[in-house]
Amino acid sequence: MTNPNEDLVLDADGIPILTDLVRENETPESTEQLQKDDVSADELAGLLLNSDTFRQQLKNIEIETSYKAGEVAAMALRPSLEEAISLAIDDSNTASYEAVRKQLETALPDLLARTLHN
């Protein structure tokens, strides 16, 4: 069996090409034990949790789920955050606008005089 972390060989349509042959009479070693014995649910859970492949798959699911949850949360919060930012800008805009206008009114005569003399 190939390592699940290896890159898959893909055909022109992006479909994975399977390279490991599994014959009808062959069984992977990990499942041979399960077929020979009558395994309880607890034993099966223990075997799965002790399997590196299974734990890696769980880790991959965890990473993908966390990423997706973050995306969903960001999309849900985005309108509220944009509105809060917009309101904050609007509230400060009047004071900022007035301060800039007063500074320009005060500085404009000097700026015009310097420009005309040069």
N, C-alpha and C. Protein backbone atom coordinates (compact mmCIF):
# COMPACT_ATOMS: atom_id res chain seq x y z
N MET A 1 0.84 -1.17 0.00
CA MET A 1 0.00 0.00 0.00
C MET A 1 0.89 1.24 0.00
N THR A 2 0.48 2.28 -0.70
CA THR A 2 1.29 3.50 -0.75
C THR A 2 1.08 4.31 0.51
N ASN A 3 2.03 5.16 0.77
CA ASN A 3 1.95 6.07 1.90
C ASN A 3 0.88 7.11 1.58
N PRO A 4 -0.10 7.36 2.47
CA PRO A 4 -1.17 8.31 2.17
C PRO A 4 -0.66 9.74 2.06
N ASN A 5 0.55 10.01 2.55
CA ASN A 5 1.10 11.36 2.47
C ASN A 5 1.82 11.63 1.16
N GLU A 6 2.05 10.57 0.35
CA GLU A 6 2.71 10.74 -0.93
C GLU A 6 1.74 11.37 -1.92
N ASP A 7 2.31 12.07 -2.91
CA ASP A 7 1.48 12.64 -3.96
C ASP A 7 0.95 11.52 -4.84
N LEU A 8 -0.31 11.63 -5.21
CA LEU A 8 -0.92 10.63 -6.08
C LEU A 8 -0.59 10.96 -7.53
N VAL A 9 -0.47 9.92 -8.32
CA VAL A 9 -0.31 10.09 -9.76
C VAL A 9 -1.71 10.31 -10.32
N LEU A 10 -1.87 11.38 -11.09
CA LEU A 10 -3.19 11.72 -11.63
C LEU A 10 -3.20 11.59 -13.14
N ASP A 11 -4.36 11.24 -13.69
CA ASP A 11 -4.49 11.21 -15.14
C ASP A 11 -4.80 12.63 -15.63
N ALA A 12 -5.05 12.78 -16.92
CA ALA A 12 -5.28 14.10 -17.51
C ALA A 12 -6.50 14.80 -16.93
N ASP A 13 -7.47 14.04 -16.43
CA ASP A 13 -8.68 14.62 -15.84
C ASP A 13 -8.54 14.86 -14.34
N GLY A 14 -7.37 14.57 -13.78
CA GLY A 14 -7.16 14.77 -12.34
C GLY A 14 -7.63 13.62 -11.48
N ILE A 15 -7.91 12.49 -12.10
CA ILE A 15 -8.36 11.31 -11.36
C ILE A 15 -7.15 10.50 -10.95
N PRO A 16 -7.07 10.10 -9.67
CA PRO A 16 -5.90 9.33 -9.22
C PRO A 16 -5.77 8.01 -9.98
N ILE A 17 -4.54 7.68 -10.30
CA ILE A 17 -4.23 6.40 -10.94
C ILE A 17 -3.73 5.47 -9.85
N LEU A 18 -4.41 4.36 -9.65
CA LEU A 18 -4.03 3.42 -8.62
C LEU A 18 -2.85 2.60 -9.11
N THR A 19 -1.80 2.54 -8.29
CA THR A 19 -0.57 1.87 -8.71
C THR A 19 -0.28 0.60 -7.93
N ASP A 20 -0.93 0.39 -6.79
CA ASP A 20 -0.71 -0.81 -5.99
C ASP A 20 -1.78 -1.84 -6.30
N LEU A 21 -1.33 -3.01 -6.69
CA LEU A 21 -2.27 -4.07 -6.99
C LEU A 21 -2.67 -4.80 -5.72
N VAL A 22 -3.93 -5.13 -5.60
CA VAL A 22 -4.43 -5.95 -4.51
C VAL A 22 -5.16 -7.11 -5.16
N ARG A 23 -4.65 -8.29 -4.89
CA ARG A 23 -5.26 -9.48 -5.48
C ARG A 23 -6.34 -10.01 -4.54
N GLU A 24 -7.25 -10.75 -5.11
CA GLU A 24 -8.39 -11.26 -4.36
C GLU A 24 -7.98 -12.09 -3.15
N ASN A 25 -6.94 -12.87 -3.27
CA ASN A 25 -6.55 -13.75 -2.18
C ASN A 25 -5.57 -13.08 -1.20
N GLU A 26 -5.21 -11.83 -1.46
CA GLU A 26 -4.31 -11.11 -0.57
C GLU A 26 -5.11 -10.21 0.37
N THR A 27 -4.66 -10.16 1.60
CA THR A 27 -5.29 -9.30 2.59
C THR A 27 -4.20 -8.51 3.29
N PRO A 28 -4.37 -7.21 3.44
CA PRO A 28 -3.37 -6.46 4.19
C PRO A 28 -3.21 -7.05 5.59
N GLU A 29 -1.99 -6.97 6.12
CA GLU A 29 -1.68 -7.58 7.41
C GLU A 29 -2.58 -7.07 8.53
N SER A 30 -2.90 -5.80 8.50
CA SER A 30 -3.70 -5.23 9.59
C SER A 30 -5.10 -5.82 9.65
N THR A 31 -5.64 -6.26 8.49
CA THR A 31 -6.98 -6.82 8.50
C THR A 31 -6.98 -8.33 8.70
N GLU A 32 -5.82 -8.97 8.47
CA GLU A 32 -5.76 -10.42 8.67
C GLU A 32 -6.08 -10.79 10.11
N GLN A 33 -5.56 -10.03 11.06
CA GLN A 33 -5.80 -10.30 12.47
C GLN A 33 -7.30 -10.16 12.78
N LEU A 34 -7.94 -9.16 12.19
CA LEU A 34 -9.36 -8.95 12.43
C LEU A 34 -10.20 -10.09 11.86
N GLN A 35 -9.77 -10.65 10.73
CA GLN A 35 -10.53 -11.72 10.12
C GLN A 35 -10.36 -13.03 10.89
N LYS A 36 -9.20 -13.25 11.49
CA LYS A 36 -8.93 -14.50 12.20
C LYS A 36 -9.67 -14.56 13.53
N ASP A 37 -9.76 -13.46 14.19
CA ASP A 37 -10.36 -13.42 15.53
C ASP A 37 -11.71 -12.72 15.51
N ASP A 38 -12.52 -13.09 16.47
CA ASP A 38 -13.75 -12.36 16.68
C ASP A 38 -13.40 -11.19 17.59
N VAL A 39 -13.37 -9.99 17.04
CA VAL A 39 -12.88 -8.82 17.76
C VAL A 39 -14.05 -8.02 18.29
N SER A 40 -13.96 -7.64 19.57
CA SER A 40 -15.02 -6.81 20.17
C SER A 40 -14.87 -5.37 19.68
N ALA A 41 -15.90 -4.59 19.91
CA ALA A 41 -15.88 -3.18 19.50
C ALA A 41 -14.76 -2.43 20.21
N ASP A 42 -14.54 -2.74 21.50
CA ASP A 42 -13.46 -2.08 22.24
C ASP A 42 -12.09 -2.42 21.66
N GLU A 43 -11.91 -3.70 21.32
CA GLU A 43 -10.63 -4.13 20.74
C GLU A 43 -10.43 -3.49 19.37
N LEU A 44 -11.50 -3.43 18.59
CA LEU A 44 -11.42 -2.81 17.28
C LEU A 44 -11.07 -1.33 17.41
N ALA A 45 -11.71 -0.65 18.35
CA ALA A 45 -11.40 0.76 18.59
C ALA A 45 -9.94 0.92 19.00
N GLY A 46 -9.46 0.05 19.85
CA GLY A 46 -8.06 0.10 20.27
C GLY A 46 -7.11 -0.12 19.11
N LEU A 47 -7.43 -1.09 18.24
CA LEU A 47 -6.59 -1.34 17.07
C LEU A 47 -6.57 -0.12 16.15
N LEU A 48 -7.74 0.48 15.95
CA LEU A 48 -7.80 1.66 15.08
C LEU A 48 -7.02 2.83 15.68
N LEU A 49 -7.22 3.07 16.97
CA LEU A 49 -6.55 4.20 17.60
C LEU A 49 -5.04 4.02 17.69
N ASN A 50 -4.58 2.78 17.66
CA ASN A 50 -3.14 2.50 17.67
C ASN A 50 -2.55 2.46 16.26
N SER A 51 -3.38 2.60 15.26
CA SER A 51 -2.92 2.57 13.88
C SER A 51 -2.44 3.96 13.46
N ASP A 52 -1.19 4.04 12.99
CA ASP A 52 -0.64 5.32 12.54
C ASP A 52 -1.45 5.89 11.38
N THR A 53 -1.86 5.04 10.46
CA THR A 53 -2.64 5.49 9.31
C THR A 53 -3.96 6.09 9.75
N PHE A 54 -4.66 5.40 10.66
CA PHE A 54 -5.94 5.89 11.15
C PHE A 54 -5.77 7.21 11.88
N ARG A 55 -4.73 7.31 12.73
CA ARG A 55 -4.49 8.55 13.48
C ARG A 55 -4.15 9.70 12.53
N GLN A 56 -3.42 9.41 11.46
CA GLN A 56 -3.10 10.45 10.48
C GLN A 56 -4.36 10.91 9.76
N GLN A 57 -5.25 9.97 9.44
CA GLN A 57 -6.51 10.34 8.80
C GLN A 57 -7.35 11.20 9.74
N LEU A 58 -7.38 10.85 11.02
CA LEU A 58 -8.11 11.67 12.00
C LEU A 58 -7.51 13.07 12.08
N LYS A 59 -6.18 13.16 12.06
CA LYS A 59 -5.50 14.45 12.12
C LYS A 59 -5.85 15.28 10.90
N ASN A 60 -5.88 14.65 9.72
CA ASN A 60 -6.25 15.36 8.50
C ASN A 60 -7.68 15.88 8.57
N ILE A 61 -8.58 15.07 9.11
CA ILE A 61 -9.97 15.49 9.27
C ILE A 61 -10.05 16.66 10.25
N GLU A 62 -9.29 16.57 11.33
CA GLU A 62 -9.26 17.65 12.33
C GLU A 62 -8.78 18.96 11.71
N ILE A 63 -7.71 18.89 10.93
CA ILE A 63 -7.16 20.09 10.31
C ILE A 63 -8.17 20.70 9.34
N GLU A 64 -8.76 19.85 8.49
CA GLU A 64 -9.73 20.35 7.51
C GLU A 64 -10.97 20.92 8.18
N THR A 65 -11.44 20.24 9.22
CA THR A 65 -12.62 20.72 9.94
C THR A 65 -12.34 22.05 10.63
N SER A 66 -11.18 22.18 11.25
CA SER A 66 -10.81 23.44 11.91
C SER A 66 -10.73 24.56 10.89
N TYR A 67 -10.12 24.29 9.74
CA TYR A 67 -10.00 25.29 8.70
C TYR A 67 -11.37 25.73 8.20
N LYS A 68 -12.23 24.75 7.93
CA LYS A 68 -13.58 25.05 7.45
C LYS A 68 -14.37 25.84 8.49
N ALA A 69 -14.24 25.45 9.77
CA ALA A 69 -14.94 26.16 10.84
C ALA A 69 -14.47 27.61 10.91
N GLY A 70 -13.17 27.81 10.74
CA GLY A 70 -12.63 29.18 10.73
C GLY A 70 -13.19 29.99 9.58
N GLU A 71 -13.27 29.37 8.41
CA GLU A 71 -13.84 30.07 7.24
C GLU A 71 -15.30 30.44 7.47
N VAL A 72 -16.07 29.50 8.02
CA VAL A 72 -17.49 29.75 8.28
C VAL A 72 -17.64 30.87 9.30
N ALA A 73 -16.83 30.84 10.36
CA ALA A 73 -16.90 31.89 11.39
C ALA A 73 -16.53 33.25 10.80
N ALA A 74 -15.48 33.28 9.98
CA ALA A 74 -15.07 34.54 9.37
C ALA A 74 -16.16 35.09 8.46
N MET A 75 -16.78 34.21 7.68
CA MET A 75 -17.86 34.66 6.79
C MET A 75 -19.06 35.15 7.58
N ALA A 76 -19.36 34.50 8.70
CA ALA A 76 -20.50 34.91 9.53
C ALA A 76 -20.22 36.24 10.21
N LEU A 77 -18.99 36.46 10.62
CA LEU A 77 -18.64 37.69 11.34
C LEU A 77 -18.34 38.86 10.42
N ARG A 78 -18.02 38.58 9.18
CA ARG A 78 -17.59 39.63 8.26
C ARG A 78 -18.58 40.81 8.17
N PRO A 79 -19.87 40.57 7.94
CA PRO A 79 -20.79 41.73 7.85
C PRO A 79 -20.80 42.57 9.13
N SER A 80 -20.78 41.91 10.28
CA SER A 80 -20.80 42.66 11.54
C SER A 80 -19.53 43.46 11.72
N LEU A 81 -18.40 42.86 11.38
CA LEU A 81 -17.12 43.58 11.50
C LEU A 81 -17.06 44.76 10.53
N GLU A 82 -17.51 44.55 9.30
CA GLU A 82 -17.51 45.65 8.33
C GLU A 82 -18.41 46.79 8.80
N GLU A 83 -19.56 46.45 9.37
CA GLU A 83 -20.46 47.48 9.87
C GLU A 83 -19.84 48.24 11.04
N ALA A 84 -19.20 47.51 11.95
CA ALA A 84 -18.57 48.15 13.11
C ALA A 84 -17.45 49.09 12.66
N ILE A 85 -16.65 48.65 11.69
CA ILE A 85 -15.57 49.50 11.17
C ILE A 85 -16.15 50.73 10.49
N SER A 86 -17.18 50.52 9.69
CA SER A 86 -17.81 51.63 8.99
C SER A 86 -18.38 52.65 9.97
N LEU A 87 -19.05 52.17 11.01
CA LEU A 87 -19.61 53.09 12.02
C LEU A 87 -18.50 53.84 12.75
N ALA A 88 -17.42 53.17 13.06
CA ALA A 88 -16.31 53.83 13.74
C ALA A 88 -15.70 54.91 12.86
N ILE A 89 -15.56 54.61 11.56
CA ILE A 89 -15.02 55.61 10.63
C ILE A 89 -15.98 56.78 10.51
N ASP A 90 -17.27 56.49 10.39
CA ASP A 90 -18.26 57.56 10.27
C ASP A 90 -18.26 58.46 11.51
N ASP A 91 -18.16 57.86 12.68
CA ASP A 91 -18.16 58.64 13.91
C ASP A 91 -16.93 59.53 14.01
N SER A 92 -15.79 59.03 13.58
CA SER A 92 -14.57 59.83 13.67
C SER A 92 -14.41 60.74 12.46
N ASN A 93 -15.14 60.46 11.40
CA ASN A 93 -14.99 61.20 10.16
C ASN A 93 -15.35 62.67 10.34
N THR A 94 -16.41 62.97 11.06
CA THR A 94 -16.85 64.36 11.24
C THR A 94 -15.78 65.15 11.97
N ALA A 95 -15.27 64.61 13.05
CA ALA A 95 -14.23 65.30 13.81
C ALA A 95 -12.96 65.43 12.98
N SER A 96 -12.59 64.38 12.28
CA SER A 96 -11.39 64.42 11.45
C SER A 96 -11.55 65.42 10.32
N TYR A 97 -12.71 65.39 9.69
CA TYR A 97 -12.98 66.31 8.59
C TYR A 97 -12.88 67.76 9.06
N GLU A 98 -13.48 68.05 10.18
CA GLU A 98 -13.44 69.42 10.72
C GLU A 98 -12.03 69.85 11.06
N ALA A 99 -11.25 68.96 11.65
CA ALA A 99 -9.87 69.30 12.02
C ALA A 99 -9.04 69.59 10.76
N VAL A 100 -9.18 68.75 9.73
CA VAL A 100 -8.44 68.96 8.49
C VAL A 100 -8.90 70.25 7.81
N ARG A 101 -10.20 70.51 7.79
CA ARG A 101 -10.73 71.74 7.16
C ARG A 101 -10.18 72.98 7.83
N LYS A 102 -10.16 72.97 9.17
CA LYS A 102 -9.65 74.14 9.90
C LYS A 102 -8.16 74.35 9.64
N GLN A 103 -7.41 73.26 9.59
CA GLN A 103 -5.98 73.39 9.31
C GLN A 103 -5.74 73.93 7.91
N LEU A 104 -6.52 73.44 6.94
CA LEU A 104 -6.37 73.94 5.57
C LEU A 104 -6.77 75.42 5.47
N GLU A 105 -7.85 75.82 6.13
CA GLU A 105 -8.26 77.22 6.11
C GLU A 105 -7.18 78.12 6.70
N THR A 106 -6.54 77.64 7.76
CA THR A 106 -5.50 78.42 8.40
C THR A 106 -4.25 78.49 7.53
N ALA A 107 -3.88 77.38 6.92
CA ALA A 107 -2.63 77.31 6.16
C ALA A 107 -2.77 77.81 4.73
N LEU A 108 -3.96 77.84 4.19
CA LEU A 108 -4.16 78.17 2.78
C LEU A 108 -3.62 79.55 2.39
N PRO A 109 -3.90 80.61 3.14
CA PRO A 109 -3.35 81.91 2.73
C PRO A 109 -1.82 81.92 2.62
N ASP A 110 -1.15 81.28 3.58
CA ASP A 110 0.31 81.21 3.53
C ASP A 110 0.78 80.39 2.33
N LEU A 111 0.11 79.27 2.09
CA LEU A 111 0.47 78.43 0.95
C LEU A 111 0.29 79.16 -0.36
N LEU A 112 -0.81 79.92 -0.51
CA LEU A 112 -1.05 80.69 -1.75
C LEU A 112 -0.01 81.78 -1.91
N ALA A 113 0.30 82.45 -0.82
CA ALA A 113 1.30 83.53 -0.90
C ALA A 113 2.65 82.97 -1.30
N ARG A 114 3.08 81.86 -0.73
CA ARG A 114 4.37 81.27 -1.10
C ARG A 114 4.36 80.80 -2.55
N THR A 115 3.25 80.26 -2.98
CA THR A 115 3.16 79.77 -4.35
C THR A 115 3.24 80.92 -5.33
N LEU A 116 2.56 82.03 -5.04
CA LEU A 116 2.56 83.18 -5.96
C LEU A 116 3.92 83.86 -6.02
N HIS A 117 4.67 83.82 -4.94
CA HIS A 117 5.99 84.48 -4.92
C HIS A 117 7.05 83.62 -5.60
N ASN A 118 6.81 82.36 -5.76
CA ASN A 118 7.81 81.50 -6.40
C ASN A 118 7.52 81.44 -7.83
